[in-house]
């Protein structure tokens, strides 16, 4: 079994889109951004070529999901 490190991607709120490629099945892409105290943030995924279910998880600064 081979484990792969996360693929890091830096994105900007209201910035250009970013491209990321997972080299192995099960590899995670970790996009990091700073939220400028917005009340709402939208996240989208397009051009996905993975033929399995793909999940998007938002993780707060304390490590848990959500905004705290």
PDB file of N, CA and C in Angstrom:
ATOM      1  N   UNK A   1       0.851  -1.178   0.000  1.00  0.00           N
ATOM      2  CA  UNK A   1       0.000   0.000   0.000  1.00  0.00           C
ATOM      3  C   UNK A   1       0.890   1.232   0.000  1.00  0.00           C
ATOM      4  N   UNK A   2       0.579   2.175  -0.862  1.00  0.00           N
ATOM      5  CA  UNK A   2       1.333   3.415  -0.953  1.00  0.00           C
ATOM      6  C   UNK A   2       0.440   4.576  -0.538  1.00  0.00           C
ATOM      7  N   UNK A   3       0.903   5.365   0.419  1.00  0.00           N
ATOM      8  CA  UNK A   3       0.173   6.559   0.839  1.00  0.00           C
ATOM      9  C   UNK A   3       0.791   7.766   0.162  1.00  0.00           C
ATOM     10  N   UNK A   4      -0.050   8.707  -0.207  1.00  0.00           N
ATOM     11  CA  UNK A   4       0.432   9.914  -0.860  1.00  0.00           C
ATOM     12  C   UNK A   4       0.116  11.127   0.000  1.00  0.00           C
ATOM     13  N   UNK A   5       1.002  12.087  -0.033  1.00  0.00           N
ATOM     14  CA  UNK A   5       0.774  13.336   0.688  1.00  0.00           C
ATOM     15  C   UNK A   5      -0.349  14.114   0.006  1.00  0.00           C
ATOM     16  N   UNK A   6      -1.034  14.965   0.796  1.00  0.00           N
ATOM     17  CA  UNK A   6      -2.053  15.842   0.227  1.00  0.00           C
ATOM     18  C   UNK A   6      -1.405  16.753  -0.823  1.00  0.00           C
ATOM     19  N   UNK A   7      -2.182  17.116  -1.834  1.00  0.00           N
ATOM     20  CA  UNK A   7      -1.735  18.071  -2.848  1.00  0.00           C
ATOM     21  C   UNK A   7      -2.178  19.457  -2.375  1.00  0.00           C
ATOM     22  N   UNK A   8      -1.243  20.345  -1.992  1.00  0.00           N
ATOM     23  CA  UNK A   8      -1.632  21.669  -1.504  1.00  0.00           C
ATOM     24  C   UNK A   8      -1.924  22.626  -2.655  1.00  0.00           C
ATOM     25  N   UNK A   9      -2.973  23.427  -2.497  1.00  0.00           N
ATOM     26  CA  UNK A   9      -3.340  24.450  -3.477  1.00  0.00           C
ATOM     27  C   UNK A   9      -3.745  25.692  -2.705  1.00  0.00           C
ATOM     28  N   UNK A  10      -3.165  26.830  -3.023  1.00  0.00           N
ATOM     29  CA  UNK A  10      -3.566  28.087  -2.405  1.00  0.00           C
ATOM     30  C   UNK A  10      -4.544  28.790  -3.337  1.00  0.00           C
ATOM     31  N   UNK A  11      -5.676  29.210  -2.786  1.00  0.00           N
ATOM     32  CA  UNK A  11      -6.681  29.927  -3.552  1.00  0.00           C
ATOM     33  C   UNK A  11      -7.013  31.224  -2.839  1.00  0.00           C
ATOM     34  N   UNK A  12      -7.555  32.175  -3.570  1.00  0.00           N
ATOM     35  CA  UNK A  12      -7.946  33.464  -3.005  1.00  0.00           C
ATOM     36  C   UNK A  12      -9.450  33.632  -3.123  1.00  0.00           C
ATOM     37  N   UNK A  13     -10.063  34.152  -2.067  1.00  0.00           N
ATOM     38  CA  UNK A  13     -11.485  34.466  -2.112  1.00  0.00           C
ATOM     39  C   UNK A  13     -11.684  35.525  -3.188  1.00  0.00           C
ATOM     40  N   UNK A  14     -12.634  35.311  -4.074  1.00  0.00           N
ATOM     41  CA  UNK A  14     -12.907  36.191  -5.216  1.00  0.00           C
ATOM     42  C   UNK A  14     -11.738  36.262  -6.191  1.00  0.00           C
ATOM     43  N   UNK A  15     -10.841  35.288  -6.141  1.00  0.00           N
ATOM     44  CA  UNK A  15      -9.694  35.255  -7.043  1.00  0.00           C
ATOM     45  C   UNK A  15      -9.938  34.315  -8.210  1.00  0.00           C
ATOM     46  N   UNK A  16      -8.889  34.062  -8.955  1.00  0.00           N
ATOM     47  CA  UNK A  16      -8.972  33.157 -10.097  1.00  0.00           C
ATOM     48  C   UNK A  16      -9.164  31.721  -9.628  1.00  0.00           C
ATOM     49  N   UNK A  17      -9.661  30.887 -10.524  1.00  0.00           N
ATOM     50  CA  UNK A  17      -9.814  29.480 -10.190  1.00  0.00           C
ATOM     51  C   UNK A  17      -8.430  28.830 -10.103  1.00  0.00           C
ATOM     52  N   UNK A  18      -8.380  27.692  -9.454  1.00  0.00           N
ATOM     53  CA  UNK A  18      -7.119  26.964  -9.297  1.00  0.00           C
ATOM     54  C   UNK A  18      -7.289  25.561  -9.855  1.00  0.00           C
ATOM     55  N   UNK A  19      -6.211  25.013 -10.374  1.00  0.00           N
ATOM     56  CA  UNK A  19      -6.214  23.659 -10.906  1.00  0.00           C
ATOM     57  C   UNK A  19      -5.372  22.774 -10.008  1.00  0.00           C
ATOM     58  N   UNK A  20      -5.869  21.578  -9.745  1.00  0.00           N
ATOM     59  CA  UNK A  20      -5.121  20.617  -8.938  1.00  0.00           C
ATOM     60  C   UNK A  20      -5.330  19.230  -9.507  1.00  0.00           C
ATOM     61  N   UNK A  21      -4.307  18.393  -9.398  1.00  0.00           N
ATOM     62  CA  UNK A  21      -4.386  17.041  -9.926  1.00  0.00           C
ATOM     63  C   UNK A  21      -3.943  16.048  -8.859  1.00  0.00           C
ATOM     64  N   UNK A  22      -4.791  15.066  -8.603  1.00  0.00           N
ATOM     65  CA  UNK A  22      -4.438  13.971  -7.705  1.00  0.00           C
ATOM     66  C   UNK A  22      -3.767  12.883  -8.550  1.00  0.00           C
ATOM     67  N   UNK A  23      -2.587  12.464  -8.147  1.00  0.00           N
ATOM     68  CA  UNK A  23      -1.819  11.494  -8.920  1.00  0.00           C
ATOM     69  C   UNK A  23      -2.221  10.051  -8.634  1.00  0.00           C
ATOM     70  N   UNK A  24      -2.840   9.820  -7.464  1.00  0.00           N
ATOM     71  CA  UNK A  24      -3.190   8.448  -7.077  1.00  0.00           C
ATOM     72  C   UNK A  24      -4.625   8.385  -6.569  1.00  0.00           C
ATOM     73  N   UNK A  25      -5.278   7.263  -6.742  1.00  0.00           N
ATOM     74  CA  UNK A  25      -6.624   7.105  -6.165  1.00  0.00           C
ATOM     75  C   UNK A  25      -6.577   7.304  -4.653  1.00  0.00           C
ATOM     76  N   UNK A  26      -7.538   8.038  -4.137  1.00  0.00           N
ATOM     77  CA  UNK A  26      -7.605   8.295  -2.701  1.00  0.00           C
ATOM     78  C   UNK A  26      -6.786   9.476  -2.227  1.00  0.00           C
ATOM     79  N   UNK A  27      -5.980  10.049  -3.095  1.00  0.00           N
ATOM     80  CA  UNK A  27      -5.170  11.196  -2.703  1.00  0.00           C
ATOM     81  C   UNK A  27      -6.067  12.410  -2.525  1.00  0.00           C
ATOM     82  N   UNK A  28      -5.780  13.220  -1.514  1.00  0.00           N
ATOM     83  CA  UNK A  28      -6.599  14.400  -1.227  1.00  0.00           C
ATOM     84  C   UNK A  28      -5.945  15.659  -1.775  1.00  0.00           C
ATOM     85  N   UNK A  29      -6.795  16.594  -2.186  1.00  0.00           N
ATOM     86  CA  UNK A  29      -6.347  17.922  -2.589  1.00  0.00           C
ATOM     87  C   UNK A  29      -6.803  18.877  -1.503  1.00  0.00           C
ATOM     88  N   UNK A  30      -5.864  19.615  -0.944  1.00  0.00           N
ATOM     89  CA  UNK A  30      -6.167  20.511   0.166  1.00  0.00           C
ATOM     90  C   UNK A  30      -5.990  21.951  -0.301  1.00  0.00           C
ATOM     91  N   UNK A  31      -7.118  22.608  -0.576  1.00  0.00           N
ATOM     92  CA  UNK A  31      -7.101  24.013  -0.998  1.00  0.00           C
ATOM     93  C   UNK A  31      -7.255  24.876   0.240  1.00  0.00           C
ATOM     94  N   UNK A  32      -6.353  25.809   0.415  1.00  0.00           N
ATOM     95  CA  UNK A  32      -6.350  26.659   1.601  1.00  0.00           C
ATOM     96  C   UNK A  32      -6.595  28.104   1.205  1.00  0.00           C
ATOM     97  N   UNK A  33      -7.445  28.772   1.998  1.00  0.00           N
ATOM     98  CA  UNK A  33      -7.733  30.183   1.744  1.00  0.00           C
ATOM     99  C   UNK A  33      -8.014  30.870   3.068  1.00  0.00           C
ATOM    100  N   UNK A  34      -7.962  32.190   3.046  1.00  0.00           N
ATOM    101  CA  UNK A  34      -8.295  32.996   4.218  1.00  0.00           C
ATOM    102  C   UNK A  34      -9.628  33.667   3.962  1.00  0.00           C
ATOM    103  N   UNK A  35     -10.547  33.447   4.872  1.00  0.00           N
ATOM    104  CA  UNK A  35     -11.888  34.030   4.770  1.00  0.00           C
ATOM    105  C   UNK A  35     -11.849  35.437   5.353  1.00  0.00           C
ATOM    106  N   UNK A  36     -12.173  36.458   4.562  1.00  0.00           N
ATOM    107  CA  UNK A  36     -12.125  37.834   5.063  1.00  0.00           C
ATOM    108  C   UNK A  36     -13.386  38.204   5.855  1.00  0.00           C
ATOM    109  N   UNK A  37     -13.713  37.415   6.879  1.00  0.00           N
ATOM    110  CA  UNK A  37     -14.868  37.661   7.747  1.00  0.00           C
ATOM    111  C   UNK A  37     -16.164  37.804   6.948  1.00  0.00           C
ATOM    112  N   UNK A  38     -16.326  36.989   5.945  1.00  0.00           N
ATOM    113  CA  UNK A  38     -17.536  37.026   5.123  1.00  0.00           C
ATOM    114  C   UNK A  38     -18.659  36.265   5.812  1.00  0.00           C
ATOM    115  N   UNK A  39     -19.892  36.676   5.559  1.00  0.00           N
ATOM    116  CA  UNK A  39     -21.044  35.960   6.095  1.00  0.00           C
ATOM    117  C   UNK A  39     -21.369  34.732   5.250  1.00  0.00           C
ATOM    118  N   UNK A  40     -20.891  34.714   4.030  1.00  0.00           N
ATOM    119  CA  UNK A  40     -21.216  33.628   3.105  1.00  0.00           C
ATOM    120  C   UNK A  40     -20.005  33.352   2.227  1.00  0.00           C
ATOM    121  N   UNK A  41     -19.761  32.103   1.959  1.00  0.00           N
ATOM    122  CA  UNK A  41     -18.702  31.752   1.026  1.00  0.00           C
ATOM    123  C   UNK A  41     -19.191  30.575   0.182  1.00  0.00           C
ATOM    124  N   UNK A  42     -18.973  30.639  -1.099  1.00  0.00           N
ATOM    125  CA  UNK A  42     -19.378  29.563  -1.996  1.00  0.00           C
ATOM    126  C   UNK A  42     -18.154  28.816  -2.496  1.00  0.00           C
ATOM    127  N   UNK A  43     -18.292  27.520  -2.626  1.00  0.00           N
ATOM    128  CA  UNK A  43     -17.205  26.680  -3.103  1.00  0.00           C
ATOM    129  C   UNK A  43     -17.743  25.825  -4.242  1.00  0.00           C
ATOM    130  N   UNK A  44     -17.012  25.732  -5.313  1.00  0.00           N
ATOM    131  CA  UNK A  44     -17.463  24.938  -6.444  1.00  0.00           C
ATOM    132  C   UNK A  44     -16.373  24.016  -6.950  1.00  0.00           C
ATOM    133  N   UNK A  45     -16.794  22.973  -7.611  1.00  0.00           N
ATOM    134  CA  UNK A  45     -15.884  21.999  -8.197  1.00  0.00           C
ATOM    135  C   UNK A  45     -16.358  21.737  -9.614  1.00  0.00           C
ATOM    136  N   UNK A  46     -15.453  21.854 -10.572  1.00  0.00           N
ATOM    137  CA  UNK A  46     -15.840  21.591 -11.961  1.00  0.00           C
ATOM    138  C   UNK A  46     -14.713  20.872 -12.679  1.00  0.00           C
ATOM    139  N   UNK A  47     -15.041  20.253 -13.788  1.00  0.00           N
ATOM    140  CA  UNK A  47     -14.040  19.561 -14.570  1.00  0.00           C
ATOM    141  C   UNK A  47     -13.504  18.315 -13.883  1.00  0.00           C
ATOM    142  N   UNK A  48     -14.289  17.750 -12.981  1.00  0.00           N
ATOM    143  CA  UNK A  48     -13.868  16.574 -12.241  1.00  0.00           C
ATOM    144  C   UNK A  48     -13.856  15.361 -13.155  1.00  0.00           C
ATOM    145  N   UNK A  49     -12.732  14.661 -13.226  1.00  0.00           N
ATOM    146  CA  UNK A  49     -12.641  13.467 -14.060  1.00  0.00           C
ATOM    147  C   UNK A  49     -12.583  12.184 -13.239  1.00  0.00           C
ATOM    148  N   UNK A  50     -12.795  12.284 -11.938  1.00  0.00           N
ATOM    149  CA  UNK A  50     -12.806  11.104 -11.073  1.00  0.00           C
ATOM    150  C   UNK A  50     -14.139  10.398 -11.265  1.00  0.00           C
ATOM    151  N   UNK A  51     -14.107   9.101 -11.526  1.00  0.00           N
ATOM    152  CA  UNK A  51     -15.349   8.385 -11.785  1.00  0.00           C
ATOM    153  C   UNK A  51     -15.942   7.771 -10.512  1.00  0.00           C
ATOM    154  N   UNK A  52     -15.684   8.394  -9.389  1.00  0.00           N
ATOM    155  CA  UNK A  52     -16.252   7.982  -8.112  1.00  0.00           C
ATOM    156  C   UNK A  52     -16.846   9.210  -7.442  1.00  0.00           C
ATOM    157  N   UNK A  53     -17.520   8.997  -6.340  1.00  0.00           N
ATOM    158  CA  UNK A  53     -18.069  10.117  -5.582  1.00  0.00           C
ATOM    159  C   UNK A  53     -16.939  11.011  -5.088  1.00  0.00           C
ATOM    160  N   UNK A  54     -17.104  12.308  -5.242  1.00  0.00           N
ATOM    161  CA  UNK A  54     -16.118  13.287  -4.798  1.00  0.00           C
ATOM    162  C   UNK A  54     -16.736  14.145  -3.704  1.00  0.00           C
ATOM    163  N   UNK A  55     -16.011  14.350  -2.629  1.00  0.00           N
ATOM    164  CA  UNK A  55     -16.509  15.123  -1.491  1.00  0.00           C
ATOM    165  C   UNK A  55     -15.727  16.420  -1.349  1.00  0.00           C
ATOM    166  N   UNK A  56     -16.421  17.459  -0.885  1.00  0.00           N
ATOM    167  CA  UNK A  56     -15.782  18.713  -0.507  1.00  0.00           C
ATOM    168  C   UNK A  56     -16.070  18.917   0.969  1.00  0.00           C
ATOM    169  N   UNK A  57     -15.029  19.083   1.769  1.00  0.00           N
ATOM    170  CA  UNK A  57     -15.174  19.340   3.198  1.00  0.00           C
ATOM    171  C   UNK A  57     -14.558  20.694   3.520  1.00  0.00           C
ATOM    172  N   UNK A  58     -15.271  21.516   4.275  1.00  0.00           N
ATOM    173  CA  UNK A  58     -14.715  22.776   4.768  1.00  0.00           C
ATOM    174  C   UNK A  58     -14.274  22.547   6.203  1.00  0.00           C
ATOM    175  N   UNK A  59     -13.040  22.909   6.490  1.00  0.00           N
ATOM    176  CA  UNK A  59     -12.464  22.706   7.811  1.00  0.00           C
ATOM    177  C   UNK A  59     -12.108  24.063   8.386  1.00  0.00           C
ATOM    178  N   UNK A  60     -12.610  24.362   9.570  1.00  0.00           N
ATOM    179  CA  UNK A  60     -12.358  25.639  10.228  1.00  0.00           C
ATOM    180  C   UNK A  60     -10.935  25.750  10.744  1.00  0.00           C
ATOM    181  N   UNK A  61     -10.534  26.946  11.189  1.00  0.00           N
ATOM    182  CA  UNK A  61      -9.176  27.178  11.651  1.00  0.00           C
ATOM    183  C   UNK A  61      -8.791  26.325  12.859  1.00  0.00           C
ATOM    184  N   UNK A  62      -9.762  25.894  13.650  1.00  0.00           N
ATOM    185  CA  UNK A  62      -9.475  25.049  14.815  1.00  0.00           C
ATOM    186  C   UNK A  62      -9.376  23.575  14.422  1.00  0.00           C
ATOM    187  N   UNK A  63      -9.597  23.267  13.147  1.00  0.00           N
ATOM    188  CA  UNK A  63      -9.466  21.904  12.675  1.00  0.00           C
ATOM    189  C   UNK A  63     -10.780  21.174  12.478  1.00  0.00           C
ATOM    190  N   UNK A  64     -11.868  21.702  12.988  1.00  0.00           N
ATOM    191  CA  UNK A  64     -13.162  21.043  12.822  1.00  0.00           C
ATOM    192  C   UNK A  64     -13.916  21.616  11.648  1.00  0.00           C
ATOM    193  N   UNK A  65     -15.004  20.964  11.274  1.00  0.00           N
ATOM    194  CA  UNK A  65     -15.794  21.497  10.172  1.00  0.00           C
ATOM    195  C   UNK A  65     -16.601  22.692  10.668  1.00  0.00           C
ATOM    196  N   UNK A  66     -16.940  23.584   9.784  1.00  0.00           N
ATOM    197  CA  UNK A  66     -17.705  24.771  10.150  1.00  0.00           C
ATOM    198  C   UNK A  66     -16.853  26.017  10.168  1.00  0.00           C
ATOM    199  N   UNK A  67     -17.303  27.000  10.899  1.00  0.00           N
ATOM    200  CA  UNK A  67     -16.655  28.315  10.856  1.00  0.00           C
ATOM    201  C   UNK A  67     -15.894  28.665  12.122  1.00  0.00           C
ATOM    202  N   UNK A  68     -15.908  27.813  13.115  1.00  0.00           N
ATOM    203  CA  UNK A  68     -15.211  28.183  14.359  1.00  0.00           C
ATOM    204  C   UNK A  68     -13.872  27.516  14.470  1.00  0.00           C
TER     205      UNK A  68
END
